[in-house]
Amino acid sequence: MLIVTALVYCDPALCWPFLLCGAVCAGLGVLLVRRIAQGRFVVLEGTVQKVGKTLFRSRPKAVIAARDGRLVKVYLRGRRWGLSEGVRLCLYAADNTPVYEQDGVLVLGGYLVGEQIGQE
């Protein structure tokens, strides 16, 4: 978009937002690659016990997964997951991601990426 904007409009002021966005995305990408290279992430793999859905469109909002006898609740981003009970779920989280307890269930504060492994 930066190149198209520069060629079509010939106005450098219109290119600044694209340059700023590109710099932010590149910086975040470098931080992510650095975290992975240093091994500063945790792999959480478990079986989905319950899927919380949104009220109107019934898309997955949160999942409760069993891991080593403990229940872990994760709020999903994107909500394009085709999850159901009994599916194996693998989440990658930063090692400093906050985890807190709510009603006897551990709640994961966020995750980097997740994948559905398959049925158990």
PDB file of N, CA and C in Angstrom:
ATOM      1  N   MET A   1       0.815  -1.190   0.000  1.00  0.00           N
ATOM      2  CA  MET A   1       0.000   0.000   0.000  1.00  0.00           C
ATOM      3  C   MET A   1       0.862   1.259   0.000  1.00  0.00           C
ATOM      4  N   LEU A   2       2.011   1.174   0.638  1.00  0.00           N
ATOM      5  CA  LEU A   2       2.913   2.324   0.667  1.00  0.00           C
ATOM      6  C   LEU A   2       3.357   2.694  -0.743  1.00  0.00           C
ATOM      7  N   ILE A   3       3.746   1.711  -1.519  1.00  0.00           N
ATOM      8  CA  ILE A   3       4.236   1.976  -2.873  1.00  0.00           C
ATOM      9  C   ILE A   3       3.110   2.499  -3.760  1.00  0.00           C
ATOM     10  N   VAL A   4       1.926   1.887  -3.660  1.00  0.00           N
ATOM     11  CA  VAL A   4       0.792   2.342  -4.468  1.00  0.00           C
ATOM     12  C   VAL A   4       0.418   3.769  -4.106  1.00  0.00           C
ATOM     13  N   THR A   5       0.359   4.085  -2.817  1.00  0.00           N
ATOM     14  CA  THR A   5       0.018   5.440  -2.385  1.00  0.00           C
ATOM     15  C   THR A   5       1.066   6.440  -2.863  1.00  0.00           C
ATOM     16  N   ALA A   6       2.332   6.072  -2.773  1.00  0.00           N
ATOM     17  CA  ALA A   6       3.399   6.977  -3.206  1.00  0.00           C
ATOM     18  C   ALA A   6       3.352   7.219  -4.709  1.00  0.00           C
ATOM     19  N   LEU A   7       3.058   6.169  -5.488  1.00  0.00           N
ATOM     20  CA  LEU A   7       3.034   6.333  -6.944  1.00  0.00           C
ATOM     21  C   LEU A   7       1.784   7.062  -7.434  1.00  0.00           C
ATOM     22  N   VAL A   8       0.649   6.785  -6.837  1.00  0.00           N
ATOM     23  CA  VAL A   8      -0.600   7.360  -7.333  1.00  0.00           C
ATOM     24  C   VAL A   8      -0.770   8.802  -6.891  1.00  0.00           C
ATOM     25  N   TYR A   9      -0.525   9.084  -5.605  1.00  0.00           N
ATOM     26  CA  TYR A   9      -0.825  10.417  -5.089  1.00  0.00           C
ATOM     27  C   TYR A   9       0.376  11.351  -5.048  1.00  0.00           C
ATOM     28  N   CYS A  10       1.566  10.817  -5.100  1.00  0.00           N
ATOM     29  CA  CYS A  10       2.793  11.615  -5.092  1.00  0.00           C
ATOM     30  C   CYS A  10       2.851  12.598  -3.924  1.00  0.00           C
ATOM     31  N   ASP A  11       2.276  12.210  -2.796  1.00  0.00           N
ATOM     32  CA  ASP A  11       2.271  13.070  -1.616  1.00  0.00           C
ATOM     33  C   ASP A  11       2.942  12.303  -0.471  1.00  0.00           C
ATOM     34  N   PRO A  12       4.098  12.763  -0.010  1.00  0.00           N
ATOM     35  CA  PRO A  12       4.801  12.040   1.053  1.00  0.00           C
ATOM     36  C   PRO A  12       4.022  11.999   2.377  1.00  0.00           C
ATOM     37  N   ALA A  13       3.155  12.957   2.603  1.00  0.00           N
ATOM     38  CA  ALA A  13       2.397  12.985   3.858  1.00  0.00           C
ATOM     39  C   ALA A  13       1.443  11.787   3.960  1.00  0.00           C
ATOM     40  N   LEU A  14       0.974  11.289   2.830  1.00  0.00           N
ATOM     41  CA  LEU A  14       0.081  10.135   2.847  1.00  0.00           C
ATOM     42  C   LEU A  14       0.819   8.829   3.125  1.00  0.00           C
ATOM     43  N   CYS A  15       2.125   8.825   2.962  1.00  0.00           N
ATOM     44  CA  CYS A  15       2.910   7.603   3.171  1.00  0.00           C
ATOM     45  C   CYS A  15       3.264   7.375   4.634  1.00  0.00           C
ATOM     46  N   TRP A  16       3.227   8.419   5.461  1.00  0.00           N
ATOM     47  CA  TRP A  16       3.634   8.280   6.862  1.00  0.00           C
ATOM     48  C   TRP A  16       2.830   7.231   7.640  1.00  0.00           C
ATOM     49  N   PRO A  17       1.507   7.156   7.522  1.00  0.00           N
ATOM     50  CA  PRO A  17       0.789   6.106   8.272  1.00  0.00           C
ATOM     51  C   PRO A  17       1.218   4.700   7.880  1.00  0.00           C
ATOM     52  N   PHE A  18       1.483   4.475   6.589  1.00  0.00           N
ATOM     53  CA  PHE A  18       1.916   3.156   6.144  1.00  0.00           C
ATOM     54  C   PHE A  18       3.325   2.837   6.644  1.00  0.00           C
ATOM     55  N   LEU A  19       4.200   3.833   6.652  1.00  0.00           N
ATOM     56  CA  LEU A  19       5.545   3.636   7.198  1.00  0.00           C
ATOM     57  C   LEU A  19       5.490   3.325   8.693  1.00  0.00           C
ATOM     58  N   LEU A  20       4.653   4.033   9.423  1.00  0.00           N
ATOM     59  CA  LEU A  20       4.513   3.802  10.859  1.00  0.00           C
ATOM     60  C   LEU A  20       3.947   2.413  11.144  1.00  0.00           C
ATOM     61  N   CYS A  21       2.931   2.033  10.408  1.00  0.00           N
ATOM     62  CA  CYS A  21       2.331   0.705  10.581  1.00  0.00           C
ATOM     63  C   CYS A  21       3.343  -0.391  10.244  1.00  0.00           C
ATOM     64  N   GLY A  22       4.105  -0.212   9.187  1.00  0.00           N
ATOM     65  CA  GLY A  22       5.124  -1.187   8.819  1.00  0.00           C
ATOM     66  C   GLY A  22       6.215  -1.296   9.875  1.00  0.00           C
ATOM     67  N   ALA A  23       6.611  -0.166  10.458  1.00  0.00           N
ATOM     68  CA  ALA A  23       7.634  -0.183  11.498  1.00  0.00           C
ATOM     69  C   ALA A  23       7.131  -0.901  12.750  1.00  0.00           C
ATOM     70  N   VAL A  24       5.892  -0.657  13.134  1.00  0.00           N
ATOM     71  CA  VAL A  24       5.317  -1.322  14.310  1.00  0.00           C
ATOM     72  C   VAL A  24       5.213  -2.830  14.064  1.00  0.00           C
ATOM     73  N   CYS A  25       4.708  -3.228  12.907  1.00  0.00           N
ATOM     74  CA  CYS A  25       4.584  -4.664  12.593  1.00  0.00           C
ATOM     75  C   CYS A  25       5.952  -5.343  12.545  1.00  0.00           C
ATOM     76  N   ALA A  26       6.936  -4.691  11.972  1.00  0.00           N
ATOM     77  CA  ALA A  26       8.282  -5.256  11.915  1.00  0.00           C
ATOM     78  C   ALA A  26       8.875  -5.383  13.319  1.00  0.00           C
ATOM     79  N   GLY A  27       8.675  -4.377  14.150  1.00  0.00           N
ATOM     80  CA  GLY A  27       9.170  -4.430  15.527  1.00  0.00           C
ATOM     81  C   GLY A  27       8.534  -5.557  16.324  1.00  0.00           C
ATOM     82  N   LEU A  28       7.216  -5.721  16.204  1.00  0.00           N
ATOM     83  CA  LEU A  28       6.535  -6.811  16.904  1.00  0.00           C
ATOM     84  C   LEU A  28       6.967  -8.177  16.381  1.00  0.00           C
ATOM     85  N   GLY A  29       7.214  -8.267  15.084  1.00  0.00           N
ATOM     86  CA  GLY A  29       7.704  -9.521  14.513  1.00  0.00           C
ATOM     87  C   GLY A  29       9.087  -9.874  15.036  1.00  0.00           C
ATOM     88  N   VAL A  30       9.962  -8.877  15.158  1.00  0.00           N
ATOM     89  CA  VAL A  30      11.301  -9.115  15.699  1.00  0.00           C
ATOM     90  C   VAL A  30      11.212  -9.576  17.152  1.00  0.00           C
ATOM     91  N   LEU A  31      10.335  -8.947  17.940  1.00  0.00           N
ATOM     92  CA  LEU A  31      10.165  -9.361  19.337  1.00  0.00           C
ATOM     93  C   LEU A  31       9.651 -10.790  19.441  1.00  0.00           C
ATOM     94  N   LEU A  32       8.731 -11.171  18.563  1.00  0.00           N
ATOM     95  CA  LEU A  32       8.197 -12.532  18.584  1.00  0.00           C
ATOM     96  C   LEU A  32       9.267 -13.550  18.207  1.00  0.00           C
ATOM     97  N   VAL A  33      10.029 -13.279  17.168  1.00  0.00           N
ATOM     98  CA  VAL A  33      11.101 -14.184  16.750  1.00  0.00           C
ATOM     99  C   VAL A  33      12.162 -14.293  17.840  1.00  0.00           C
ATOM    100  N   ARG A  34      12.469 -13.184  18.494  1.00  0.00           N
ATOM    101  CA  ARG A  34      13.453 -13.192  19.579  1.00  0.00           C
ATOM    102  C   ARG A  34      12.968 -14.044  20.747  1.00  0.00           C
ATOM    103  N   ARG A  35      11.685 -13.915  21.109  1.00  0.00           N
ATOM    104  CA  ARG A  35      11.115 -14.707  22.200  1.00  0.00           C
ATOM    105  C   ARG A  35      11.187 -16.199  21.871  1.00  0.00           C
ATOM    106  N   ILE A  36      10.880 -16.549  20.645  1.00  0.00           N
ATOM    107  CA  ILE A  36      10.919 -17.954  20.232  1.00  0.00           C
ATOM    108  C   ILE A  36      12.359 -18.471  20.230  1.00  0.00           C
ATOM    109  N   ALA A  37      13.300 -17.673  19.738  1.00  0.00           N
ATOM    110  CA  ALA A  37      14.701 -18.094  19.700  1.00  0.00           C
ATOM    111  C   ALA A  37      15.262 -18.304  21.102  1.00  0.00           C
ATOM    112  N   GLN A  38      14.791 -17.527  22.063  1.00  0.00           N
ATOM    113  CA  GLN A  38      15.260 -17.665  23.440  1.00  0.00           C
ATOM    114  C   GLN A  38      14.503 -18.751  24.193  1.00  0.00           C
ATOM    115  N   GLY A  39      13.447 -19.296  23.598  1.00  0.00           N
ATOM    116  CA  GLY A  39      12.682 -20.350  24.247  1.00  0.00           C
ATOM    117  C   GLY A  39      11.800 -19.842  25.362  1.00  0.00           C
ATOM    118  N   ARG A  40      11.387 -18.588  25.300  1.00  0.00           N
ATOM    119  CA  ARG A  40      10.575 -17.988  26.355  1.00  0.00           C
ATOM    120  C   ARG A  40       9.079 -18.134  26.048  1.00  0.00           C
ATOM    121  N   PHE A  41       8.662 -19.373  25.862  1.00  0.00           N
ATOM    122  CA  PHE A  41       7.245 -19.642  25.651  1.00  0.00           C
ATOM    123  C   PHE A  41       6.896 -20.970  26.304  1.00  0.00           C
ATOM    124  N   VAL A  42       5.607 -21.170  26.531  1.00  0.00           N
ATOM    125  CA  VAL A  42       5.105 -22.372  27.182  1.00  0.00           C
ATOM    126  C   VAL A  42       4.102 -23.023  26.243  1.00  0.00           C
ATOM    127  N   VAL A  43       4.158 -24.346  26.129  1.00  0.00           N
ATOM    128  CA  VAL A  43       3.207 -25.094  25.314  1.00  0.00           C
ATOM    129  C   VAL A  43       2.185 -25.723  26.243  1.00  0.00           C
ATOM    130  N   LEU A  44       0.927 -25.393  26.021  1.00  0.00           N
ATOM    131  CA  LEU A  44      -0.166 -25.925  26.822  1.00  0.00           C
ATOM    132  C   LEU A  44      -1.017 -26.807  25.923  1.00  0.00           C
ATOM    133  N   GLU A  45      -1.019 -28.091  26.218  1.00  0.00           N
ATOM    134  CA  GLU A  45      -1.771 -29.037  25.415  1.00  0.00           C
ATOM    135  C   GLU A  45      -2.777 -29.741  26.304  1.00  0.00           C
ATOM    136  N   GLY A  46      -4.030 -29.771  25.866  1.00  0.00           N
ATOM    137  CA  GLY A  46      -5.060 -30.404  26.673  1.00  0.00           C
ATOM    138  C   GLY A  46      -6.275 -30.769  25.846  1.00  0.00           C
ATOM    139  N   THR A  47      -7.257 -31.366  26.510  1.00  0.00           N
ATOM    140  CA  THR A  47      -8.484 -31.795  25.868  1.00  0.00           C
ATOM    141  C   THR A  47      -9.600 -30.830  26.239  1.00  0.00           C
ATOM    142  N   VAL A  48     -10.346 -30.382  25.258  1.00  0.00           N
ATOM    143  CA  VAL A  48     -11.438 -29.441  25.494  1.00  0.00           C
ATOM    144  C   VAL A  48     -12.559 -30.148  26.243  1.00  0.00           C
ATOM    145  N   GLN A  49     -12.937 -29.586  27.388  1.00  0.00           N
ATOM    146  CA  GLN A  49     -14.018 -30.132  28.196  1.00  0.00           C
ATOM    147  C   GLN A  49     -15.333 -29.403  27.949  1.00  0.00           C
ATOM    148  N   LYS A  50     -15.237 -28.083  27.721  1.00  0.00           N
ATOM    149  CA  LYS A  50     -16.440 -27.277  27.524  1.00  0.00           C
ATOM    150  C   LYS A  50     -16.106 -26.106  26.614  1.00  0.00           C
ATOM    151  N   VAL A  51     -17.030 -25.766  25.733  1.00  0.00           N
ATOM    152  CA  VAL A  51     -16.855 -24.640  24.824  1.00  0.00           C
ATOM    153  C   VAL A  51     -17.928 -23.603  25.142  1.00  0.00           C
ATOM    154  N   GLY A  52     -17.495 -22.412  25.551  1.00  0.00           N
ATOM    155  CA  GLY A  52     -18.429 -21.312  25.781  1.00  0.00           C
ATOM    156  C   GLY A  52     -18.680 -20.588  24.471  1.00  0.00           C
ATOM    157  N   LYS A  53     -19.935 -20.330  24.150  1.00  0.00           N
ATOM    158  CA  LYS A  53     -20.278 -19.720  22.859  1.00  0.00           C
ATOM    159  C   LYS A  53     -20.874 -18.334  23.059  1.00  0.00           C
ATOM    160  N   THR A  54     -20.785 -17.527  22.001  1.00  0.00           N
ATOM    161  CA  THR A  54     -21.379 -16.203  22.045  1.00  0.00           C
ATOM    162  C   THR A  54     -22.896 -16.320  21.986  1.00  0.00           C
ATOM    163  N   LEU A  55     -23.566 -15.278  22.408  1.00  0.00           N
ATOM    164  CA  LEU A  55     -25.021 -15.316  22.526  1.00  0.00           C
ATOM    165  C   LEU A  55     -25.716 -15.326  21.168  1.00  0.00           C
ATOM    166  N   PHE A  56     -25.277 -14.493  20.260  1.00  0.00           N
ATOM    167  CA  PHE A  56     -26.021 -14.319  19.016  1.00  0.00           C
ATOM    168  C   PHE A  56     -25.618 -15.276  17.896  1.00  0.00           C
ATOM    169  N   ARG A  57     -24.337 -15.393  17.621  1.00  0.00           N
ATOM    170  CA  ARG A  57     -23.911 -16.193  16.469  1.00  0.00           C
ATOM    171  C   ARG A  57     -23.383 -17.566  16.844  1.00  0.00           C
ATOM    172  N   SER A  58     -23.380 -17.881  18.116  1.00  0.00           N
ATOM    173  CA  SER A  58     -22.928 -19.189  18.631  1.00  0.00           C
ATOM    174  C   SER A  58     -21.526 -19.565  18.163  1.00  0.00           C
ATOM    175  N   ARG A  59     -20.626 -18.587  18.147  1.00  0.00           N
ATOM    176  CA  ARG A  59     -19.226 -18.858  17.841  1.00  0.00           C
ATOM    177  C   ARG A  59     -18.487 -19.132  19.146  1.00  0.00           C
ATOM    178  N   PRO A  60     -17.422 -19.923  19.110  1.00  0.00           N
ATOM    179  CA  PRO A  60     -16.670 -20.201  20.344  1.00  0.00           C
ATOM    180  C   PRO A  60     -16.065 -18.927  20.926  1.00  0.00           C
ATOM    181  N   LYS A  61     -16.334 -18.683  22.197  1.00  0.00           N
ATOM    182  CA  LYS A  61     -15.800 -17.508  22.883  1.00  0.00           C
ATOM    183  C   LYS A  61     -14.677 -17.905  23.841  1.00  0.00           C
ATOM    184  N   ALA A  62     -14.874 -18.995  24.554  1.00  0.00           N
ATOM    185  CA  ALA A  62     -13.887 -19.474  25.517  1.00  0.00           C
ATOM    186  C   ALA A  62     -13.961 -20.990  25.571  1.00  0.00           C
ATOM    187  N   VAL A  63     -12.847 -21.596  25.926  1.00  0.00           N
ATOM    188  CA  VAL A  63     -12.818 -23.047  26.110  1.00  0.00           C
ATOM    189  C   VAL A  63     -12.253 -23.359  27.479  1.00  0.00           C
ATOM    190  N   ILE A  64     -12.724 -24.460  28.030  1.00  0.00           N
ATOM    191  CA  ILE A  64     -12.146 -25.004  29.244  1.00  0.00           C
ATOM    192  C   ILE A  64     -11.513 -26.328  28.855  1.00  0.00           C
ATOM    193  N   ALA A  65     -10.207 -26.413  29.069  1.00  0.00           N
ATOM    194  CA  ALA A  65      -9.452 -27.604  28.681  1.00  0.00           C
ATOM    195  C   ALA A  65      -8.868 -28.264  29.925  1.00  0.00           C
ATOM    196  N   ALA A  66      -8.794 -29.582  29.901  1.00  0.00           N
ATOM    197  CA  ALA A  66      -8.198 -30.345  31.000  1.00  0.00           C
ATOM    198  C   ALA A  66      -6.724 -30.569  30.705  1.00  0.00           C
ATOM    199  N   ARG A  67      -5.892 -30.266  31.699  1.00  0.00           N
ATOM    200  CA  ARG A  67      -4.447 -30.427  31.558  1.00  0.00           C
ATOM    201  C   ARG A  67      -3.893 -30.917  32.884  1.00  0.00           C
ATOM    202  N   ASP A  68      -3.386 -32.126  32.929  1.00  0.00           N
ATOM    203  CA  ASP A  68      -2.797 -32.715  34.136  1.00  0.00           C
ATOM    204  C   ASP A  68      -3.738 -32.644  35.329  1.00  0.00           C
ATOM    205  N   GLY A  69      -4.990 -32.931  35.117  1.00  0.00           N
ATOM    206  CA  GLY A  69      -5.963 -32.936  36.197  1.00  0.00           C
ATOM    207  C   GLY A  69      -6.476 -31.568  36.594  1.00  0.00           C
ATOM    208  N   ARG A  70      -6.002 -30.508  35.987  1.00  0.00           N
ATOM    209  CA  ARG A  70      -6.461 -29.149  36.264  1.00  0.00           C
ATOM    210  C   ARG A  70      -7.251 -28.644  35.069  1.00  0.00           C
ATOM    211  N   LEU A  71      -8.197 -27.760  35.336  1.00  0.00           N
ATOM    212  CA  LEU A  71      -8.967 -27.138  34.267  1.00  0.00           C
ATOM    213  C   LEU A  71      -8.389 -25.762  33.968  1.00  0.00           C
ATOM    214  N   VAL A  72      -8.206 -25.472  32.691  1.00  0.00           N
ATOM    215  CA  VAL A  72      -7.657 -24.195  32.246  1.00  0.00           C
ATOM    216  C   VAL A  72      -8.659 -23.561  31.289  1.00  0.00           C
ATOM    217  N   LYS A  73      -9.037 -22.321  31.580  1.00  0.00           N
ATOM    218  CA  LYS A  73      -9.970 -21.592  30.728  1.00  0.00           C
ATOM    219  C   LYS A  73      -9.192 -20.582  29.890  1.00  0.00           C
ATOM    220  N   VAL A  74      -9.499 -20.558  28.600  1.00  0.00           N
ATOM    221  CA  VAL A  74      -8.826 -19.657  27.674  1.00  0.00           C
ATOM    222  C   VAL A  74      -9.879 -18.935  26.850  1.00  0.00           C
ATOM    223  N   TYR A  75      -9.801 -17.612  26.814  1.00  0.00           N
ATOM    224  CA  TYR A  75     -10.678 -16.823  25.949  1.00  0.00           C
ATOM    225  C   TYR A  75     -10.044 -16.750  24.571  1.00  0.00           C
ATOM    226  N   LEU A  76     -10.799 -17.151  23.561  1.00  0.00           N
ATOM    227  CA  LEU A  76     -10.265 -17.264  22.204  1.00  0.00           C
ATOM    228  C   LEU A  76     -10.306 -15.930  21.487  1.00  0.00           C
ATOM    229  N   ARG A  77      -9.324 -15.735  20.623  1.00  0.00           N
ATOM    230  CA  ARG A  77      -9.312 -14.571  19.739  1.00  0.00           C
ATOM    231  C   ARG A  77      -9.724 -15.034  18.349  1.00  0.00           C
ATOM    232  N   GLY A  78     -10.378 -14.186  17.628  1.00  0.00           N
ATOM    233  CA  GLY A  78     -10.766 -14.527  16.264  1.00  0.00           C
ATOM    234  C   GLY A  78     -12.062 -15.292  16.194  1.00  0.00           C
ATOM    235  N   ARG A  79     -12.259 -16.210  17.080  1.00  0.00           N
ATOM    236  CA  ARG A  79     -13.489 -16.992  17.205  1.00  0.00           C
ATOM    237  C   ARG A  79     -13.867 -17.719  15.926  1.00  0.00           C
ATOM    238  N   ARG A  80     -12.883 -18.100  15.153  1.00  0.00           N
ATOM    239  CA  ARG A  80     -13.141 -18.867  13.930  1.00  0.00           C
ATOM    240  C   ARG A  80     -12.788 -20.330  14.126  1.00  0.00           C
ATOM    241  N   TRP A  81     -12.679 -20.726  15.352  1.00  0.00           N
ATOM    242  CA  TRP A  81     -12.296 -22.087  15.685  1.00  0.00           C
ATOM    243  C   TRP A  81     -13.509 -22.986  15.543  1.00  0.00           C
ATOM    244  N   GLY A  82     -13.311 -24.163  14.995  1.00  0.00           N
ATOM    245  CA  GLY A  82     -14.365 -25.166  14.926  1.00  0.00           C
ATOM    246  C   GLY A  82     -14.197 -26.171  16.051  1.00  0.00           C
ATOM    247  N   LEU A  83     -14.271 -25.706  17.279  1.00  0.00           N
ATOM    248  CA  LEU A  83     -13.987 -26.556  18.423  1.00  0.00           C
ATOM    249  C   LEU A  83     -15.247 -27.231  18.952  1.00  0.00           C
ATOM    250  N   SER A  84     -15.064 -28.427  19.452  1.00  0.00           N
ATOM    251  CA  SER A  84     -16.130 -29.142  20.139  1.00  0.00           C
ATOM    252  C   SER A  84     -15.490 -29.906  21.296  1.00  0.00           C
ATOM    253  N   GLU A  85     -16.316 -30.458  22.144  1.00  0.00           N
ATOM    254  CA  GLU A  85     -15.806 -31.184  23.302  1.00  0.00           C
ATOM    255  C   GLU A  85     -15.048 -32.437  22.848  1.00  0.00           C
ATOM    256  N   GLY A  86     -13.945 -32.714  23.525  1.00  0.00           N
ATOM    257  CA  GLY A  86     -13.135 -33.886  23.206  1.00  0.00           C
ATOM    258  C   GLY A  86     -12.016 -33.627  22.222  1.00  0.00           C
ATOM    259  N   VAL A  87     -11.928 -32.425  21.696  1.00  0.00           N
ATOM    260  CA  VAL A  87     -10.885 -32.075  20.729  1.00  0.00           C
ATOM    261  C   VAL A  87      -9.595 -31.748  21.477  1.00  0.00           C
ATOM    262  N   ARG A  88      -8.455 -32.163  20.940  1.00  0.00           N
ATOM    263  CA  ARG A  88      -7.159 -31.818  21.514  1.00  0.00           C
ATOM    264  C   ARG A  88      -6.763 -30.428  21.037  1.00  0.00           C
ATOM    265  N   LEU A  89      -6.324 -29.603  21.984  1.00  0.00           N
ATOM    266  CA  LEU A  89      -5.995 -28.216  21.715  1.00  0.00           C
ATOM    267  C   LEU A  89      -4.576 -27.947  22.190  1.00  0.00           C
ATOM    268  N   CYS A  90      -3.800 -27.248  21.380  1.00  0.00           N
ATOM    269  CA  CYS A  90      -2.427 -26.894  21.726  1.00  0.00           C
ATOM    270  C   CYS A  90      -2.302 -25.374  21.640  1.00  0.00           C
ATOM    271  N   LEU A  91      -1.920 -24.748  22.758  1.00  0.00           N
ATOM    272  CA  LEU A  91      -1.753 -23.302  22.811  1.00  0.00           C
ATOM    273  C   LEU A  91      -0.313 -22.973  23.171  1.00  0.00           C
ATOM    274  N   TYR A  92       0.226 -21.958  22.530  1.00  0.00           N
ATOM    275  CA  TYR A  92       1.557 -21.467  22.824  1.00  0.00           C
ATOM    276  C   TYR A  92       1.389 -20.106  23.479  1.00  0.00           C
ATOM    277  N   ALA A  93       1.931 -19.968  24.695  1.00  0.00           N
ATOM    278  CA  ALA A  93       1.801 -18.721  25.447  1.00  0.00           C
ATOM    279  C   ALA A  93       3.182 -18.238  25.868  1.00  0.00           C
ATOM    280  N   ALA A  94       3.303 -16.938  26.069  1.00  0.00           N
ATOM    281  CA  ALA A  94       4.563 -16.388  26.571  1.00  0.00           C
ATOM    282  C   ALA A  94       4.776 -16.861  27.998  1.00  0.00           C
ATOM    283  N   ASP A  95       6.038 -16.978  28.399  1.00  0.00           N
ATOM    284  CA  ASP A  95       6.329 -17.485  29.743  1.00  0.00           C
ATOM    285  C   ASP A  95       5.899 -16.526  30.852  1.00  0.00           C
ATOM    286  N   ASN A  96       5.660 -15.271  30.523  1.00  0.00           N
ATOM    287  CA  ASN A  96       5.223 -14.308  31.532  1.00  0.00           C
ATOM    288  C   ASN A  96       3.735 -13.953  31.401  1.00  0.00           C
ATOM    289  N   THR A  97       2.968 -14.786  30.728  1.00  0.00           N
ATOM    290  CA  THR A  97       1.529 -14.568  30.592  1.00  0.00           C
ATOM    291  C   THR A  97       0.862 -14.753  31.953  1.00  0.00           C
ATOM    292  N   PRO A  98       0.019 -13.801  32.353  1.00  0.00           N
ATOM    293  CA  PRO A  98      -0.626 -13.946  33.660  1.00  0.00           C
ATOM    294  C   PRO A  98      -1.635 -15.090  33.672  1.00  0.00           C
ATOM    295  N   VAL A  99      -1.626 -15.834  34.764  1.00  0.00           N
ATOM    296  CA  VAL A  99      -2.568 -16.918  34.993  1.00  0.00           C
ATOM    297  C   VAL A  99      -3.196 -16.666  36.356  1.00  0.00           C
ATOM    298  N   TYR A 100      -4.502 -16.641  36.412  1.00  0.00           N
ATOM    299  CA  TYR A 100      -5.170 -16.429  37.687  1.00  0.00           C
ATOM    300  C   TYR A 100      -6.274 -17.464  37.857  1.00  0.00           C
ATOM    301  N   GLU A 101      -6.755 -17.586  39.088  1.00  0.00           N
ATOM    302  CA  GLU A 101      -7.748 -18.604  39.402  1.00  0.00           C
ATOM    303  C   GLU A 101      -9.112 -17.953  39.586  1.00  0.00           C
ATOM    304  N   GLN A 102     -10.122 -18.596  39.017  1.00  0.00           N
ATOM    305  CA  GLN A 102     -11.490 -18.105  39.121  1.00  0.00           C
ATOM    306  C   GLN A 102     -12.408 -19.319  39.295  1.00  0.00           C
ATOM    307  N   ASP A 103     -13.020 -19.435  40.426  1.00  0.00           N
ATOM    308  CA  ASP A 103     -13.939 -20.536  40.732  1.00  0.00           C
ATOM    309  C   ASP A 103     -13.286 -21.904  40.556  1.00  0.00           C
ATOM    310  N   GLY A 104     -12.044 -22.045  40.970  1.00  0.00           N
ATOM    311  CA  GLY A 104     -11.351 -23.316  40.882  1.00  0.00           C
ATOM    312  C   GLY A 104     -10.795 -23.655  39.514  1.00  0.00           C
ATOM    313  N   VAL A 105     -10.916 -22.734  38.566  1.00  0.00           N
ATOM    314  CA  VAL A 105     -10.413 -22.947  37.206  1.00  0.00           C
ATOM    315  C   VAL A 105      -9.313 -21.926  36.944  1.00  0.00           C
ATOM    316  N   LEU A 106      -8.189 -22.373  36.407  1.00  0.00           N
ATOM    317  CA  LEU A 106      -7.118 -21.454  36.030  1.00  0.00           C
ATOM    318  C   LEU A 106      -7.496 -20.738  34.742  1.00  0.00           C
ATOM    319  N   VAL A 107      -7.344 -19.423  34.725  1.00  0.00           N
ATOM    320  CA  VAL A 107      -7.682 -18.630  33.543  1.00  0.00           C
ATOM    321  C   VAL A 107      -6.387 -18.083  32.954  1.00  0.00           C
ATOM    322  N   LEU A 108      -6.136 -18.437  31.713  1.00  0.00           N
ATOM    323  CA  LEU A 108      -4.934 -17.988  31.011  1.00  0.00           C
ATOM    324  C   LEU A 108      -5.200 -16.604  30.437  1.00  0.00           C
ATOM    325  N   GLY A 109      -4.302 -15.654  30.720  1.00  0.00           N
ATOM    326  CA  GLY A 109      -4.500 -14.270  30.325  1.00  0.00           C
ATOM    327  C   GLY A 109      -4.403 -14.019  28.830  1.00  0.00           C
ATOM    328  N   GLY A 110      -3.793 -14.879  28.077  1.00  0.00           N
ATOM    329  CA  GLY A 110      -3.659 -14.703  26.637  1.00  0.00           C
ATOM    330  C   GLY A 110      -2.756 -15.780  26.067  1.00  0.00           C
ATOM    331  N   TYR A 111      -2.619 -15.778  24.765  1.00  0.00           N
ATOM    332  CA  TYR A 111      -1.757 -16.766  24.117  1.00  0.00           C
ATOM    333  C   TYR A 111      -1.228 -16.177  22.830  1.00  0.00           C
ATOM    334  N   LEU A 112      -0.129 -16.741  22.351  1.00  0.00           N
ATOM    335  CA  LEU A 112       0.478 -16.266  21.112  1.00  0.00           C
ATOM    336  C   LEU A 112      -0.231 -16.863  19.903  1.00  0.00           C
ATOM    337  N   VAL A 113      -0.361 -18.178  19.899  1.00  0.00           N
ATOM    338  CA  VAL A 113      -1.011 -18.878  18.793  1.00  0.00           C
ATOM    339  C   VAL A 113      -1.564 -20.188  19.329  1.00  0.00           C
ATOM    340  N   GLY A 114      -2.566 -20.694  18.666  1.00  0.00           N
ATOM    341  CA  GLY A 114      -3.153 -21.955  19.071  1.00  0.00           C
ATOM    342  C   GLY A 114      -3.488 -22.797  17.857  1.00  0.00           C
ATOM    343  N   GLU A 115      -3.592 -24.099  18.093  1.00  0.00           N
ATOM    344  CA  GLU A 115      -3.939 -24.995  17.006  1.00  0.00           C
ATOM    345  C   GLU A 115      -4.759 -26.148  17.533  1.00  0.00           C
ATOM    346  N   GLN A 116      -5.619 -26.636  16.691  1.00  0.00           N
ATOM    347  CA  GLN A 116      -6.431 -27.795  17.011  1.00  0.00           C
ATOM    348  C   GLN A 116      -5.704 -29.022  16.498  1.00  0.00           C
ATOM    349  N   ILE A 117      -5.411 -29.964  17.409  1.00  0.00           N
ATOM    350  CA  ILE A 117      -4.616 -31.134  17.036  1.00  0.00           C
ATOM    351  C   ILE A 117      -5.508 -32.231  16.460  1.00  0.00           C
ATOM    352  N   GLY A 118      -6.658 -32.460  17.046  1.00  0.00           N
ATOM    353  CA  GLY A 118      -7.550 -33.502  16.574  1.00  0.00           C
ATOM    354  C   GLY A 118      -8.364 -34.065  17.718  1.00  0.00           C
ATOM    355  N   GLN A 119      -9.093 -35.110  17.445  1.00  0.00           N
ATOM    356  CA  GLN A 119      -9.935 -35.760  18.460  1.00  0.00           C
ATOM    357  C   GLN A 119      -9.067 -36.611  19.371  1.00  0.00           C
ATOM    358  N   GLU A 120      -9.519 -36.780  20.595  1.00  0.00           N
ATOM    359  CA  GLU A 120      -8.815 -37.659  21.526  1.00  0.00           C
ATOM    360  C   GLU A 120      -9.223 -39.079  21.338  1.00  0.00           C
TER     361      GLU A 120
END
